Amino acid sequence: MRKTKYTVKSTTQFKKDYNLAIKRGLRISLLEDVITAWLWERYCRTRIKTIL
């Protein structure tokens, strides 16, 4: 995954689901893009609050 300010805490269930997705042959890059976009949106919201 790309470097972001925030990190995702991997729970046991997330790890199981992630490994299952890999075994099924799903595109993990899409999942990583969604997580990165979510983290970026969260970062932007905190920046807006501190600016205002």
N, C-alpha and C. Protein backbone atom coordinates (compact mmCIF):
# COMPACT_ATOMS: atom_id res chain seq x y z
N MET A 1 0.83 -1.18 0.00
CA MET A 1 0.00 0.00 0.00
C MET A 1 0.87 1.24 0.00
N ARG A 2 0.29 2.31 -0.47
CA ARG A 2 1.01 3.58 -0.49
C ARG A 2 1.13 4.15 0.92
N LYS A 3 2.13 4.99 1.08
CA LYS A 3 2.33 5.62 2.39
C LYS A 3 1.29 6.72 2.58
N THR A 4 0.64 6.72 3.73
CA THR A 4 -0.29 7.77 4.10
C THR A 4 -0.01 8.15 5.54
N LYS A 5 -0.62 9.22 5.97
CA LYS A 5 -0.43 9.67 7.35
C LYS A 5 -1.03 8.68 8.34
N TYR A 6 -2.17 8.12 7.99
CA TYR A 6 -2.86 7.18 8.87
C TYR A 6 -2.50 5.75 8.48
N THR A 7 -2.69 4.85 9.41
CA THR A 7 -2.49 3.44 9.13
C THR A 7 -3.76 2.68 9.46
N VAL A 8 -3.92 1.53 8.85
CA VAL A 8 -5.07 0.68 9.09
C VAL A 8 -4.65 -0.42 10.05
N LYS A 9 -5.40 -0.56 11.12
CA LYS A 9 -5.13 -1.65 12.06
C LYS A 9 -5.76 -2.91 11.49
N SER A 10 -4.94 -3.90 11.25
CA SER A 10 -5.44 -5.14 10.66
C SER A 10 -5.97 -6.05 11.76
N THR A 11 -7.28 -6.22 11.78
CA THR A 11 -7.88 -7.15 12.72
C THR A 11 -7.74 -8.56 12.17
N THR A 12 -7.99 -9.53 12.99
CA THR A 12 -7.90 -10.92 12.56
C THR A 12 -8.89 -11.19 11.44
N GLN A 13 -10.10 -10.66 11.54
CA GLN A 13 -11.09 -10.88 10.50
C GLN A 13 -10.66 -10.24 9.18
N PHE A 14 -10.08 -9.05 9.24
CA PHE A 14 -9.60 -8.39 8.02
C PHE A 14 -8.52 -9.23 7.37
N LYS A 15 -7.59 -9.76 8.15
CA LYS A 15 -6.52 -10.59 7.61
C LYS A 15 -7.08 -11.83 6.93
N LYS A 16 -8.08 -12.45 7.54
CA LYS A 16 -8.70 -13.65 6.95
C LYS A 16 -9.39 -13.30 5.63
N ASP A 17 -10.14 -12.19 5.63
CA ASP A 17 -10.83 -11.77 4.41
C ASP A 17 -9.84 -11.39 3.31
N TYR A 18 -8.76 -10.73 3.69
CA TYR A 18 -7.73 -10.32 2.73
C TYR A 18 -7.08 -11.54 2.09
N ASN A 19 -6.72 -12.51 2.92
CA ASN A 19 -6.11 -13.74 2.39
C ASN A 19 -7.09 -14.52 1.53
N LEU A 20 -8.37 -14.54 1.89
CA LEU A 20 -9.37 -15.22 1.10
C LEU A 20 -9.52 -14.55 -0.26
N ALA A 21 -9.48 -13.23 -0.28
CA ALA A 21 -9.57 -12.49 -1.55
C ALA A 21 -8.38 -12.82 -2.44
N ILE A 22 -7.20 -12.96 -1.85
CA ILE A 22 -6.02 -13.33 -2.64
C ILE A 22 -6.18 -14.72 -3.21
N LYS A 23 -6.66 -15.66 -2.40
CA LYS A 23 -6.85 -17.04 -2.86
C LYS A 23 -7.89 -17.12 -3.98
N ARG A 24 -8.90 -16.26 -3.92
CA ARG A 24 -9.93 -16.26 -4.95
C ARG A 24 -9.47 -15.58 -6.24
N GLY A 25 -8.33 -14.93 -6.17
CA GLY A 25 -7.78 -14.29 -7.36
C GLY A 25 -8.35 -12.91 -7.63
N LEU A 26 -8.90 -12.27 -6.60
CA LEU A 26 -9.45 -10.94 -6.77
C LEU A 26 -8.32 -9.91 -6.87
N ARG A 27 -8.62 -8.78 -7.47
CA ARG A 27 -7.60 -7.75 -7.65
C ARG A 27 -7.44 -6.96 -6.35
N ILE A 28 -6.35 -7.22 -5.68
CA ILE A 28 -6.07 -6.59 -4.39
C ILE A 28 -5.75 -5.11 -4.57
N SER A 29 -5.27 -4.73 -5.73
CA SER A 29 -4.94 -3.32 -5.97
C SER A 29 -6.19 -2.44 -5.84
N LEU A 30 -7.35 -2.96 -6.20
CA LEU A 30 -8.59 -2.19 -6.06
C LEU A 30 -8.90 -1.95 -4.59
N LEU A 31 -8.73 -2.97 -3.77
CA LEU A 31 -8.96 -2.83 -2.34
C LEU A 31 -8.00 -1.82 -1.73
N GLU A 32 -6.75 -1.89 -2.13
CA GLU A 32 -5.76 -0.95 -1.63
C GLU A 32 -6.08 0.48 -2.06
N ASP A 33 -6.58 0.65 -3.28
CA ASP A 33 -6.97 1.99 -3.75
C ASP A 33 -8.12 2.56 -2.93
N VAL A 34 -9.08 1.71 -2.59
CA VAL A 34 -10.23 2.15 -1.79
C VAL A 34 -9.78 2.55 -0.39
N ILE A 35 -8.92 1.76 0.21
CA ILE A 35 -8.43 2.07 1.55
C ILE A 35 -7.63 3.36 1.53
N THR A 36 -6.79 3.54 0.53
CA THR A 36 -6.00 4.77 0.41
C THR A 36 -6.90 5.99 0.22
N ALA A 37 -7.94 5.85 -0.61
CA ALA A 37 -8.87 6.97 -0.84
C ALA A 37 -9.61 7.31 0.44
N TRP A 38 -10.01 6.31 1.19
CA TRP A 38 -10.71 6.54 2.45
C TRP A 38 -9.80 7.26 3.45
N LEU A 39 -8.55 6.81 3.52
CA LEU A 39 -7.61 7.46 4.44
C LEU A 39 -7.33 8.89 4.01
N TRP A 40 -7.22 9.14 2.71
CA TRP A 40 -6.97 10.49 2.21
C TRP A 40 -8.15 11.42 2.54
N GLU A 41 -9.37 10.90 2.36
CA GLU A 41 -10.56 11.69 2.68
C GLU A 41 -10.58 12.03 4.17
N ARG A 42 -10.24 11.07 4.98
CA ARG A 42 -10.21 11.28 6.43
C ARG A 42 -9.15 12.33 6.79
N TYR A 43 -7.99 12.26 6.15
CA TYR A 43 -6.92 13.23 6.38
C TYR A 43 -7.38 14.63 5.99
N CYS A 44 -8.04 14.75 4.85
CA CYS A 44 -8.50 16.06 4.38
C CYS A 44 -9.52 16.66 5.34
N ARG A 45 -10.40 15.83 5.87
CA ARG A 45 -11.40 16.33 6.82
C ARG A 45 -10.74 16.89 8.07
N THR A 46 -9.71 16.22 8.57
CA THR A 46 -9.05 16.72 9.77
C THR A 46 -8.31 18.01 9.46
N ARG A 47 -7.73 18.12 8.26
CA ARG A 47 -7.02 19.35 7.88
C ARG A 47 -8.00 20.52 7.78
N ILE A 48 -9.19 20.29 7.23
CA ILE A 48 -10.18 21.36 7.10
C ILE A 48 -10.62 21.84 8.47
N LYS A 49 -10.80 20.92 9.41
CA LYS A 49 -11.23 21.30 10.76
C LYS A 49 -10.16 22.15 11.44
N THR A 50 -8.89 21.83 11.23
CA THR A 50 -7.85 22.60 11.89
C THR A 50 -7.66 23.96 11.23
N ILE A 51 -7.94 24.07 9.96
CA ILE A 51 -7.82 25.35 9.26
C ILE A 51 -8.94 26.29 9.68
N LEU A 52 -10.13 25.76 9.77
CA LEU A 52 -11.27 26.61 10.15
C LEU A 52 -11.21 26.87 11.62
